[in-house]
Amino acid sequence: MKRGTIVLTRFPFTDLKSAKRRPAAIISKENPEKEDVIVAFITTSIPATLSNTDLLFDKTRNDFRKSGLKKVSLIKLDKIARLNTRIFTGELGSVSNQTLEEINEKLKMVFDLG
């Protein structure tokens, strides 16, 4: 699957005891030889103060409609997982190259890559 695709999947809780079905953004490079991809958690719970690694995704963005998301959402770049694509239950849409650049900047902060 292509980087920037928004999928619906079971996303695991950090204790790995359960998972919740929700949207996630594919943030890893496309590799047709592998069934696993790295995804970032997407939530509609917007806190009063955003983390510097959160990406607010709202209707003012040019690619909001193309994303397939229905509500203002937060892409949590500090909440990522490696998942097998077979557990995806749907593909909602995708984000633009501009949003992917913003994701890249947030990932640099997450991993302290300067």
N, C-alpha and C. Protein backbone atom coordinates (compact mmCIF):
# COMPACT_ATOMS: atom_id res chain seq x y z
N MET A 1 0.84 -1.18 0.00
CA MET A 1 0.00 0.00 0.00
C MET A 1 0.88 1.25 0.00
N LYS A 2 0.36 2.27 -0.59
CA LYS A 2 1.11 3.49 -0.79
C LYS A 2 1.16 4.37 0.46
N ARG A 3 2.29 5.00 0.66
CA ARG A 3 2.48 5.95 1.77
C ARG A 3 1.48 7.09 1.62
N GLY A 4 0.85 7.47 2.73
CA GLY A 4 -0.15 8.53 2.70
C GLY A 4 -1.58 8.03 2.59
N THR A 5 -1.75 6.73 2.40
CA THR A 5 -3.09 6.15 2.33
C THR A 5 -3.70 6.12 3.73
N ILE A 6 -4.96 6.46 3.83
CA ILE A 6 -5.70 6.37 5.09
C ILE A 6 -6.50 5.07 5.04
N VAL A 7 -6.26 4.22 6.04
CA VAL A 7 -6.93 2.92 6.09
C VAL A 7 -7.74 2.79 7.37
N LEU A 8 -8.65 1.83 7.37
CA LEU A 8 -9.37 1.47 8.58
C LEU A 8 -8.78 0.16 9.07
N THR A 9 -8.44 0.10 10.35
CA THR A 9 -7.77 -1.09 10.87
C THR A 9 -8.02 -1.25 12.37
N ARG A 10 -7.73 -2.42 12.86
CA ARG A 10 -7.70 -2.63 14.31
C ARG A 10 -6.34 -2.11 14.77
N PHE A 11 -6.37 -1.09 15.63
CA PHE A 11 -5.13 -0.48 16.12
C PHE A 11 -4.93 -0.95 17.55
N PRO A 12 -3.78 -1.53 17.87
CA PRO A 12 -3.57 -2.09 19.21
C PRO A 12 -3.35 -1.00 20.27
N PHE A 13 -3.86 -1.28 21.48
CA PHE A 13 -3.52 -0.44 22.62
C PHE A 13 -2.08 -0.75 23.02
N THR A 14 -1.43 0.15 23.72
CA THR A 14 -0.01 -0.03 24.03
C THR A 14 0.26 -1.24 24.92
N ASP A 15 -0.74 -1.68 25.68
CA ASP A 15 -0.53 -2.87 26.51
C ASP A 15 -0.75 -4.17 25.71
N LEU A 16 -1.17 -4.05 24.46
CA LEU A 16 -1.43 -5.16 23.54
C LEU A 16 -2.53 -6.12 24.00
N LYS A 17 -3.31 -5.72 24.99
CA LYS A 17 -4.39 -6.58 25.49
C LYS A 17 -5.66 -6.46 24.65
N SER A 18 -5.78 -5.36 23.91
CA SER A 18 -6.95 -5.18 23.07
C SER A 18 -6.61 -4.21 21.94
N ALA A 19 -7.57 -4.04 21.04
CA ALA A 19 -7.39 -3.14 19.90
C ALA A 19 -8.74 -2.49 19.60
N LYS A 20 -8.69 -1.37 18.92
CA LYS A 20 -9.90 -0.66 18.55
C LYS A 20 -9.86 -0.35 17.06
N ARG A 21 -10.99 -0.50 16.40
CA ARG A 21 -11.05 -0.21 14.97
C ARG A 21 -11.07 1.30 14.77
N ARG A 22 -10.12 1.77 13.97
CA ARG A 22 -10.02 3.21 13.73
C ARG A 22 -9.20 3.49 12.48
N PRO A 23 -9.24 4.74 12.00
CA PRO A 23 -8.40 5.09 10.86
C PRO A 23 -6.94 5.23 11.25
N ALA A 24 -6.08 4.99 10.29
CA ALA A 24 -4.63 5.15 10.48
C ALA A 24 -4.04 5.58 9.15
N ALA A 25 -2.94 6.33 9.23
CA ALA A 25 -2.24 6.80 8.03
C ALA A 25 -1.00 5.94 7.82
N ILE A 26 -0.84 5.42 6.61
CA ILE A 26 0.37 4.66 6.30
C ILE A 26 1.52 5.65 6.16
N ILE A 27 2.57 5.44 6.97
CA ILE A 27 3.71 6.37 6.95
C ILE A 27 4.99 5.71 6.45
N SER A 28 4.95 4.42 6.18
CA SER A 28 6.14 3.76 5.65
C SER A 28 6.13 3.75 4.13
N LYS A 29 7.31 3.57 3.59
CA LYS A 29 7.50 3.51 2.15
C LYS A 29 6.82 2.27 1.59
N GLU A 30 6.28 2.38 0.39
CA GLU A 30 5.62 1.25 -0.26
C GLU A 30 6.64 0.17 -0.60
N ASN A 31 6.32 -1.07 -0.28
CA ASN A 31 7.18 -2.21 -0.60
C ASN A 31 6.28 -3.39 -0.93
N PRO A 32 6.08 -3.67 -2.23
CA PRO A 32 5.17 -4.74 -2.63
C PRO A 32 5.59 -6.14 -2.15
N GLU A 33 6.84 -6.28 -1.73
CA GLU A 33 7.33 -7.57 -1.27
C GLU A 33 6.96 -7.85 0.19
N LYS A 34 6.45 -6.85 0.90
CA LYS A 34 6.12 -7.02 2.32
C LYS A 34 4.64 -6.75 2.56
N GLU A 35 4.07 -7.51 3.48
CA GLU A 35 2.67 -7.31 3.84
C GLU A 35 2.51 -6.38 5.05
N ASP A 36 3.61 -6.05 5.71
CA ASP A 36 3.56 -5.16 6.87
C ASP A 36 3.85 -3.73 6.46
N VAL A 37 3.16 -2.79 7.11
CA VAL A 37 3.41 -1.37 6.91
C VAL A 37 3.43 -0.70 8.28
N ILE A 38 3.99 0.49 8.33
CA ILE A 38 3.99 1.27 9.56
C ILE A 38 2.90 2.33 9.41
N VAL A 39 2.06 2.41 10.45
CA VAL A 39 0.93 3.34 10.42
C VAL A 39 0.95 4.26 11.63
N ALA A 40 0.32 5.41 11.47
CA ALA A 40 0.14 6.36 12.57
C ALA A 40 -1.35 6.40 12.92
N PHE A 41 -1.60 6.42 14.20
CA PHE A 41 -2.94 6.45 14.79
C PHE A 41 -3.64 7.76 14.44
N ILE A 42 -4.93 7.68 14.14
CA ILE A 42 -5.75 8.87 13.89
C ILE A 42 -6.92 8.85 14.86
N THR A 43 -7.18 9.99 15.49
CA THR A 43 -8.27 10.10 16.45
C THR A 43 -9.08 11.37 16.20
N THR A 44 -10.32 11.35 16.65
CA THR A 44 -11.15 12.56 16.59
C THR A 44 -11.20 13.24 17.95
N SER A 45 -10.51 12.68 18.94
CA SER A 45 -10.41 13.32 20.26
C SER A 45 -9.31 14.38 20.20
N ILE A 46 -9.71 15.62 20.17
CA ILE A 46 -8.76 16.72 20.04
C ILE A 46 -8.57 17.37 21.41
N PRO A 47 -7.36 17.28 21.97
CA PRO A 47 -7.12 17.90 23.28
C PRO A 47 -7.02 19.43 23.16
N ALA A 48 -7.15 20.10 24.28
CA ALA A 48 -7.05 21.56 24.30
C ALA A 48 -5.67 22.02 23.84
N THR A 49 -4.64 21.27 24.20
CA THR A 49 -3.27 21.59 23.80
C THR A 49 -2.70 20.43 22.99
N LEU A 50 -2.25 20.74 21.79
CA LEU A 50 -1.69 19.71 20.92
C LEU A 50 -0.21 19.50 21.23
N SER A 51 0.23 18.28 21.06
CA SER A 51 1.66 17.97 21.15
C SER A 51 2.34 18.48 19.88
N ASN A 52 3.63 18.76 19.95
CA ASN A 52 4.33 19.22 18.74
C ASN A 52 4.47 18.11 17.70
N THR A 53 4.13 16.88 18.07
CA THR A 53 4.17 15.77 17.10
C THR A 53 2.78 15.40 16.58
N ASP A 54 1.76 16.16 16.99
CA ASP A 54 0.40 15.95 16.49
C ASP A 54 0.18 16.77 15.23
N LEU A 55 -0.55 16.21 14.29
CA LEU A 55 -0.90 16.93 13.06
C LEU A 55 -2.41 17.06 13.00
N LEU A 56 -2.89 18.30 13.20
CA LEU A 56 -4.32 18.56 13.12
C LEU A 56 -4.75 18.47 11.66
N PHE A 57 -5.77 17.68 11.43
CA PHE A 57 -6.25 17.45 10.07
C PHE A 57 -7.72 17.85 10.03
N ASP A 58 -7.97 19.07 9.52
CA ASP A 58 -9.34 19.60 9.52
C ASP A 58 -9.78 20.01 8.13
N LYS A 59 -10.99 20.54 8.06
CA LYS A 59 -11.61 20.86 6.77
C LYS A 59 -10.97 22.03 6.04
N THR A 60 -10.05 22.75 6.69
CA THR A 60 -9.35 23.84 6.00
C THR A 60 -8.24 23.30 5.10
N ARG A 61 -7.89 22.04 5.26
CA ARG A 61 -6.84 21.44 4.43
C ARG A 61 -7.38 21.09 3.05
N ASN A 62 -6.58 21.33 2.03
CA ASN A 62 -6.99 21.04 0.65
C ASN A 62 -7.28 19.56 0.43
N ASP A 63 -6.62 18.69 1.18
CA ASP A 63 -6.78 17.25 0.97
C ASP A 63 -7.72 16.58 1.97
N PHE A 64 -8.47 17.38 2.76
CA PHE A 64 -9.36 16.79 3.76
C PHE A 64 -10.39 15.87 3.10
N ARG A 65 -11.04 16.33 2.08
CA ARG A 65 -12.08 15.53 1.40
C ARG A 65 -11.48 14.27 0.78
N LYS A 66 -10.31 14.39 0.20
CA LYS A 66 -9.63 13.25 -0.44
C LYS A 66 -9.19 12.20 0.58
N SER A 67 -9.05 12.61 1.85
CA SER A 67 -8.58 11.69 2.89
C SER A 67 -9.63 10.65 3.26
N GLY A 68 -10.90 10.98 3.05
CA GLY A 68 -11.97 10.08 3.44
C GLY A 68 -12.39 10.22 4.89
N LEU A 69 -11.70 11.08 5.63
CA LEU A 69 -12.07 11.31 7.03
C LEU A 69 -13.32 12.18 7.07
N LYS A 70 -14.21 11.89 8.01
CA LYS A 70 -15.47 12.62 8.07
C LYS A 70 -15.47 13.76 9.08
N LYS A 71 -14.58 13.67 10.07
CA LYS A 71 -14.53 14.68 11.13
C LYS A 71 -13.12 15.23 11.27
N VAL A 72 -13.03 16.38 11.92
CA VAL A 72 -11.73 16.93 12.28
C VAL A 72 -10.98 15.85 13.05
N SER A 73 -9.73 15.61 12.67
CA SER A 73 -8.97 14.51 13.25
C SER A 73 -7.57 14.95 13.61
N LEU A 74 -6.92 14.11 14.37
CA LEU A 74 -5.55 14.33 14.78
C LEU A 74 -4.74 13.11 14.36
N ILE A 75 -3.70 13.35 13.57
CA ILE A 75 -2.78 12.27 13.23
C ILE A 75 -1.70 12.29 14.29
N LYS A 76 -1.64 11.22 15.07
CA LYS A 76 -0.71 11.13 16.20
C LYS A 76 0.58 10.47 15.72
N LEU A 77 1.58 11.28 15.37
CA LEU A 77 2.82 10.74 14.84
C LEU A 77 3.70 10.12 15.91
N ASP A 78 3.32 10.27 17.17
CA ASP A 78 4.07 9.60 18.23
C ASP A 78 3.39 8.30 18.66
N LYS A 79 2.34 7.93 17.95
CA LYS A 79 1.62 6.69 18.24
C LYS A 79 1.56 5.87 16.95
N ILE A 80 2.59 5.05 16.77
CA ILE A 80 2.72 4.30 15.53
C ILE A 80 2.79 2.80 15.82
N ALA A 81 2.50 2.02 14.78
CA ALA A 81 2.55 0.56 14.91
C ALA A 81 2.89 -0.05 13.55
N ARG A 82 3.48 -1.23 13.60
CA ARG A 82 3.73 -2.01 12.38
C ARG A 82 2.62 -3.05 12.31
N LEU A 83 1.84 -2.99 11.24
CA LEU A 83 0.68 -3.87 11.10
C LEU A 83 0.71 -4.60 9.76
N ASN A 84 0.11 -5.77 9.75
CA ASN A 84 -0.03 -6.53 8.52
C ASN A 84 -1.24 -5.99 7.76
N THR A 85 -1.09 -5.76 6.48
CA THR A 85 -2.17 -5.18 5.67
C THR A 85 -3.41 -6.07 5.61
N ARG A 86 -3.28 -7.35 5.92
CA ARG A 86 -4.44 -8.25 5.89
C ARG A 86 -5.47 -7.90 6.96
N ILE A 87 -5.07 -7.16 8.00
CA ILE A 87 -6.05 -6.80 9.03
C ILE A 87 -6.79 -5.50 8.71
N PHE A 88 -6.42 -4.83 7.62
CA PHE A 88 -7.12 -3.62 7.23
C PHE A 88 -8.52 -3.98 6.75
N THR A 89 -9.50 -3.19 7.17
CA THR A 89 -10.87 -3.47 6.78
C THR A 89 -11.39 -2.51 5.71
N GLY A 90 -10.56 -1.58 5.31
CA GLY A 90 -10.98 -0.66 4.27
C GLY A 90 -9.94 0.42 4.02
N GLU A 91 -10.08 1.05 2.88
CA GLU A 91 -9.23 2.17 2.50
C GLU A 91 -10.14 3.38 2.37
N LEU A 92 -9.85 4.44 3.14
CA LEU A 92 -10.71 5.61 3.15
C LEU A 92 -10.33 6.64 2.10
N GLY A 93 -9.04 6.83 1.89
CA GLY A 93 -8.56 7.85 0.96
C GLY A 93 -7.07 8.03 1.12
N SER A 94 -6.61 9.25 0.88
CA SER A 94 -5.17 9.52 0.99
C SER A 94 -4.94 11.00 1.29
N VAL A 95 -3.71 11.31 1.67
CA VAL A 95 -3.33 12.70 1.93
C VAL A 95 -2.40 13.17 0.81
N SER A 96 -2.23 14.47 0.73
CA SER A 96 -1.42 15.09 -0.32
C SER A 96 0.08 14.99 -0.01
N ASN A 97 0.88 15.31 -1.00
CA ASN A 97 2.33 15.37 -0.80
C ASN A 97 2.71 16.43 0.23
N GLN A 98 1.97 17.53 0.26
CA GLN A 98 2.23 18.58 1.24
C GLN A 98 2.01 18.04 2.66
N THR A 99 0.95 17.29 2.87
CA THR A 99 0.69 16.69 4.19
C THR A 99 1.77 15.67 4.51
N LEU A 100 2.22 14.91 3.52
CA LEU A 100 3.30 13.95 3.76
C LEU A 100 4.58 14.66 4.20
N GLU A 101 4.83 15.84 3.66
CA GLU A 101 6.00 16.63 4.10
C GLU A 101 5.85 17.04 5.56
N GLU A 102 4.64 17.44 5.95
CA GLU A 102 4.39 17.79 7.35
C GLU A 102 4.56 16.57 8.25
N ILE A 103 4.11 15.42 7.78
CA ILE A 103 4.29 14.16 8.52
C ILE A 103 5.77 13.88 8.69
N ASN A 104 6.55 14.08 7.63
CA ASN A 104 8.01 13.88 7.71
C ASN A 104 8.62 14.74 8.81
N GLU A 105 8.22 16.01 8.88
CA GLU A 105 8.76 16.92 9.88
C GLU A 105 8.39 16.48 11.30
N LYS A 106 7.15 16.03 11.47
CA LYS A 106 6.71 15.56 12.78
C LYS A 106 7.46 14.28 13.18
N LEU A 107 7.71 13.39 12.21
CA LEU A 107 8.45 12.15 12.50
C LEU A 107 9.89 12.46 12.90
N LYS A 108 10.47 13.49 12.31
CA LYS A 108 11.83 13.90 12.71
C LYS A 108 11.83 14.30 14.19
N MET A 109 10.77 14.98 14.63
CA MET A 109 10.67 15.35 16.05
C MET A 109 10.50 14.11 16.93
N VAL A 110 9.64 13.19 16.50
CA VAL A 110 9.38 11.98 17.27
C VAL A 110 10.66 11.21 17.51
N PHE A 111 11.47 11.07 16.47
CA PHE A 111 12.68 10.26 16.55
C PHE A 111 13.95 11.08 16.79
N ASP A 112 13.77 12.39 17.05
CA ASP A 112 14.89 13.28 17.33
C ASP A 112 15.96 13.20 16.24
N LEU A 113 15.48 13.35 14.99
CA LEU A 113 16.39 13.26 13.85
C LEU A 113 16.88 14.63 13.37
N GLY A 114 16.60 15.66 14.12
CA GLY A 114 17.13 16.99 13.84
C GLY A 114 16.49 17.61 12.70
